[in-house]
Every structure is written in C-alpha cells, then in structure tokens.
Amino acid sequence: MSDTELWHNPRCSKSRAAKAALDEAGVEYTERRYLDEPPTAEELDAVLTRIGAEPWDVARLNEPVAKELGLKDLERDRARWIGVMVENPALIQRPIVLTGETAVVARDDASVRKVLDGR
C-alpha cells in the first residue's frame, strides 16, 4: 500500500497532468476521485492543515455552486467552510497530492515536484 494519495478529477486537465507526472516518476499512489468519494469534514480539515491553508484558500469560487451559495461573501469560519466544501466537493481545488506529512494543491509542475522531492 502506498502512502501517497491523489485527490483527482479525471475531467480536469491539471488533475490529469499531476497524475501523469506521478506515473512518469514511478510513484505508487492511491487515486481518490473525490467527487465520487468526498472527504469527511475531519479528512478535509486534516488535509488543509497539512497544506497549511484555510478552506477559502483552496475553494473554487468560480464554480456555479459557489455563486449560488454566495461563497465569496460567506463569513470566514473554518468549520462552516469545510462543511460547505464537503457537501459540495466540486468546490475543492484539484488536484491534491498527499504523501507522508506533505500535501499540496498540485496545479503546476513545481507543486508536483515539491511532493516528489519531499517523499
């Protein structure tokens, strides 16, 4: 079993690029299609802590559901934002790569490299 996990949306080009980079580097990982298997509030909270970010830092504010919920204007209460994101996983920025104690939103080569170098 691998200690690396990829929170992945195969419809997203950035997510596919991160997956390809992990594959090319020969990294064994567990793929989690987080839209189909959303994280719990506890899981998302732990991942945000590992990333060193607040939920509003990794929220996809341009998603239609974000606009419907008025997310940009929502009070910055960590637990409330996590709850909204767990209920609407499309709001979670992707991809997220977790390995060991490191986690990053891997939207570019430098972020993927950070994970690969830190393994």
C-alpha atoms as a PDB file:
ATOM      1  CA  MET A   1       0.000   0.000   0.000  1.00  0.00           C
ATOM      2  CA  SER A   2       1.245   3.449  -0.908  1.00  0.00           C
ATOM      3  CA  ASP A   3       1.471   6.413   1.430  1.00  0.00           C
ATOM      4  CA  THR A   4       0.749   8.731  -1.494  1.00  0.00           C
ATOM      5  CA  GLU A   5      -2.786   9.698  -2.407  1.00  0.00           C
ATOM      6  CA  LEU A   6      -4.067  11.764  -5.339  1.00  0.00           C
ATOM      7  CA  TRP A   7      -7.382  13.557  -4.946  1.00  0.00           C
ATOM      8  CA  HIS A   8      -8.291  13.532  -8.589  1.00  0.00           C
ATOM      9  CA  ASN A   9     -10.932  14.621 -11.069  1.00  0.00           C
ATOM     10  CA  PRO A  10     -10.200  12.903 -14.404  1.00  0.00           C
ATOM     11  CA  ARG A  11     -12.151  15.611 -16.272  1.00  0.00           C
ATOM     12  CA  CYS A  12      -9.664  18.282 -15.138  1.00  0.00           C
ATOM     13  CA  SER A  13      -6.540  18.852 -17.257  1.00  0.00           C
ATOM     14  CA  LYS A  14      -4.450  19.960 -14.242  1.00  0.00           C
ATOM     15  CA  SER A  15      -5.509  16.840 -12.388  1.00  0.00           C
ATOM     16  CA  ARG A  16      -4.633  14.623 -15.358  1.00  0.00           C
ATOM     17  CA  ALA A  17      -1.232  16.348 -15.621  1.00  0.00           C
ATOM     18  CA  ALA A  18      -0.460  15.666 -11.949  1.00  0.00           C
ATOM     19  CA  LYS A  19      -1.486  12.029 -12.392  1.00  0.00           C
ATOM     20  CA  ALA A  20       0.760  11.736 -15.440  1.00  0.00           C
ATOM     21  CA  ALA A  21       3.689  13.265 -13.528  1.00  0.00           C
ATOM     22  CA  LEU A  22       3.242  10.771 -10.685  1.00  0.00           C
ATOM     23  CA  ASP A  23       3.014   7.918 -13.198  1.00  0.00           C
ATOM     24  CA  GLU A  24       6.116   9.130 -15.063  1.00  0.00           C
ATOM     25  CA  ALA A  25       8.054   9.328 -11.784  1.00  0.00           C
ATOM     26  CA  GLY A  26       7.013   5.753 -10.972  1.00  0.00           C
ATOM     27  CA  VAL A  27       5.206   6.788  -7.802  1.00  0.00           C
ATOM     28  CA  GLU A  28       2.777   4.285  -6.357  1.00  0.00           C
ATOM     29  CA  TYR A  29      -0.342   6.090  -5.177  1.00  0.00           C
ATOM     30  CA  THR A  30      -3.971   5.649  -4.360  1.00  0.00           C
ATOM     31  CA  GLU A  31      -6.288   7.565  -6.646  1.00  0.00           C
ATOM     32  CA  ARG A  32      -9.276   9.115  -4.924  1.00  0.00           C
ATOM     33  CA  ARG A  33     -11.922  10.520  -7.204  1.00  0.00           C
ATOM     34  CA  TYR A  34     -13.069  12.965  -4.601  1.00  0.00           C
ATOM     35  CA  LEU A  35     -16.230  13.982  -6.467  1.00  0.00           C
ATOM     36  CA  ASP A  36     -17.402  10.360  -6.191  1.00  0.00           C
ATOM     37  CA  GLU A  37     -15.879   9.780  -2.748  1.00  0.00           C
ATOM     38  CA  PRO A  38     -15.932  13.163  -0.971  1.00  0.00           C
ATOM     39  CA  PRO A  39     -13.757  13.643   2.081  1.00  0.00           C
ATOM     40  CA  THR A  40     -15.279  13.853   5.519  1.00  0.00           C
ATOM     41  CA  ALA A  41     -15.009  17.135   7.381  1.00  0.00           C
ATOM     42  CA  GLU A  42     -12.258  15.592   9.500  1.00  0.00           C
ATOM     43  CA  GLU A  43     -10.313  14.460   6.432  1.00  0.00           C
ATOM     44  CA  LEU A  44     -10.589  17.833   4.712  1.00  0.00           C
ATOM     45  CA  ASP A  45      -9.599  19.642   7.906  1.00  0.00           C
ATOM     46  CA  ALA A  46      -6.510  17.413   8.249  1.00  0.00           C
ATOM     47  CA  VAL A  47      -5.537  17.927   4.596  1.00  0.00           C
ATOM     48  CA  LEU A  48      -5.917  21.692   4.896  1.00  0.00           C
ATOM     49  CA  THR A  49      -3.686  21.613   7.967  1.00  0.00           C
ATOM     50  CA  ARG A  50      -1.057  19.615   6.043  1.00  0.00           C
ATOM     51  CA  ILE A  51      -1.240  22.073   3.135  1.00  0.00           C
ATOM     52  CA  GLY A  52      -1.061  25.000   5.545  1.00  0.00           C
ATOM     53  CA  ALA A  53      -4.181  26.596   4.080  1.00  0.00           C
ATOM     54  CA  GLU A  54      -7.627  27.686   5.091  1.00  0.00           C
ATOM     55  CA  PRO A  55     -10.644  26.339   3.186  1.00  0.00           C
ATOM     56  CA  TRP A  56     -11.226  29.660   1.405  1.00  0.00           C
ATOM     57  CA  ASP A  57      -7.640  29.449   0.116  1.00  0.00           C
ATOM     58  CA  VAL A  58      -8.424  26.263  -1.825  1.00  0.00           C
ATOM     59  CA  ALA A  59     -12.075  26.876  -2.713  1.00  0.00           C
ATOM     60  CA  ARG A  60     -13.112  27.036  -6.344  1.00  0.00           C
ATOM     61  CA  LEU A  61     -15.022  30.301  -6.128  1.00  0.00           C
ATOM     62  CA  ASN A  62     -15.962  30.410  -9.810  1.00  0.00           C
ATOM     63  CA  GLU A  63     -17.926  27.159  -9.693  1.00  0.00           C
ATOM     64  CA  PRO A  64     -21.670  27.700 -10.285  1.00  0.00           C
ATOM     65  CA  VAL A  65     -22.481  26.212  -6.868  1.00  0.00           C
ATOM     66  CA  ALA A  66     -20.095  28.705  -5.218  1.00  0.00           C
ATOM     67  CA  LYS A  67     -22.008  31.542  -6.820  1.00  0.00           C
ATOM     68  CA  GLU A  68     -25.364  30.004  -5.849  1.00  0.00           C
ATOM     69  CA  LEU A  69     -24.183  29.718  -2.229  1.00  0.00           C
ATOM     70  CA  GLY A  70     -22.690  33.215  -2.171  1.00  0.00           C
ATOM     71  CA  LEU A  71     -19.414  31.650  -1.073  1.00  0.00           C
ATOM     72  CA  LYS A  72     -17.327  34.763  -1.735  1.00  0.00           C
ATOM     73  CA  ASP A  73     -19.378  36.599   0.891  1.00  0.00           C
ATOM     74  CA  LEU A  74     -19.580  33.750   3.418  1.00  0.00           C
ATOM     75  CA  GLU A  75     -18.098  34.595   6.819  1.00  0.00           C
ATOM     76  CA  ARG A  76     -14.631  33.081   7.124  1.00  0.00           C
ATOM     77  CA  ASP A  77     -15.443  30.428   9.671  1.00  0.00           C
ATOM     78  CA  ARG A  78     -13.208  27.374   9.044  1.00  0.00           C
ATOM     79  CA  ALA A  79     -15.707  24.745  10.213  1.00  0.00           C
ATOM     80  CA  ARG A  80     -18.553  26.272   8.218  1.00  0.00           C
ATOM     81  CA  TRP A  81     -16.469  26.470   5.015  1.00  0.00           C
ATOM     82  CA  ILE A  82     -15.268  22.891   5.456  1.00  0.00           C
ATOM     83  CA  GLY A  83     -18.880  21.771   5.871  1.00  0.00           C
ATOM     84  CA  VAL A  84     -19.925  23.551   2.681  1.00  0.00           C
ATOM     85  CA  MET A  85     -16.984  22.071   0.760  1.00  0.00           C
ATOM     86  CA  VAL A  86     -17.673  18.544   1.996  1.00  0.00           C
ATOM     87  CA  GLU A  87     -21.319  18.890   0.935  1.00  0.00           C
ATOM     88  CA  ASN A  88     -20.190  20.309  -2.436  1.00  0.00           C
ATOM     89  CA  PRO A  89     -16.851  18.634  -3.280  1.00  0.00           C
ATOM     90  CA  ALA A  90     -16.671  20.419  -6.650  1.00  0.00           C
ATOM     91  CA  LEU A  91     -15.645  23.446  -4.562  1.00  0.00           C
ATOM     92  CA  ILE A  92     -12.367  21.771  -3.538  1.00  0.00           C
ATOM     93  CA  GLN A  93      -9.401  22.861  -5.648  1.00  0.00           C
ATOM     94  CA  ARG A  94      -7.787  19.999  -7.524  1.00  0.00           C
ATOM     95  CA  PRO A  95      -5.666  18.019  -7.708  1.00  0.00           C
ATOM     96  CA  ILE A  96      -4.377  17.473  -4.208  1.00  0.00           C
ATOM     97  CA  VAL A  97      -1.403  15.190  -3.689  1.00  0.00           C
ATOM     98  CA  LEU A  98      -0.733  13.828  -0.208  1.00  0.00           C
ATOM     99  CA  THR A  99       2.390  11.936   0.755  1.00  0.00           C
ATOM    100  CA  GLY A 100       3.895  11.421   4.177  1.00  0.00           C
ATOM    101  CA  GLU A 101       3.312  14.659   6.055  1.00  0.00           C
ATOM    102  CA  THR A 102       3.279  16.726   2.855  1.00  0.00           C
ATOM    103  CA  ALA A 103       0.192  17.817   0.947  1.00  0.00           C
ATOM    104  CA  VAL A 104      -0.084  20.293  -1.909  1.00  0.00           C
ATOM    105  CA  VAL A 105      -2.601  21.545  -4.385  1.00  0.00           C
ATOM    106  CA  ALA A 106      -0.648  20.299  -7.397  1.00  0.00           C
ATOM    107  CA  ARG A 107      -1.849  22.617 -10.148  1.00  0.00           C
ATOM    108  CA  ASP A 108       1.600  23.091 -11.708  1.00  0.00           C
ATOM    109  CA  ASP A 109       4.864  21.215 -12.229  1.00  0.00           C
ATOM    110  CA  ALA A 110       6.597  22.996  -9.333  1.00  0.00           C
ATOM    111  CA  SER A 111       3.935  21.817  -6.873  1.00  0.00           C
ATOM    112  CA  VAL A 112       4.147  18.221  -8.118  1.00  0.00           C
ATOM    113  CA  ARG A 113       7.951  18.428  -7.893  1.00  0.00           C
ATOM    114  CA  LYS A 114       7.651  19.618  -4.277  1.00  0.00           C
ATOM    115  CA  VAL A 115       5.722  16.468  -3.435  1.00  0.00           C
ATOM    116  CA  LEU A 116       8.078  14.190  -5.353  1.00  0.00           C
ATOM    117  CA  ASP A 117      11.150  15.745  -3.718  1.00  0.00           C
ATOM    118  CA  GLY A 118       9.619  15.537  -0.261  1.00  0.00           C
ATOM    119  CA  ARG A 119       8.809  11.825  -0.414  1.00  0.00           C
END
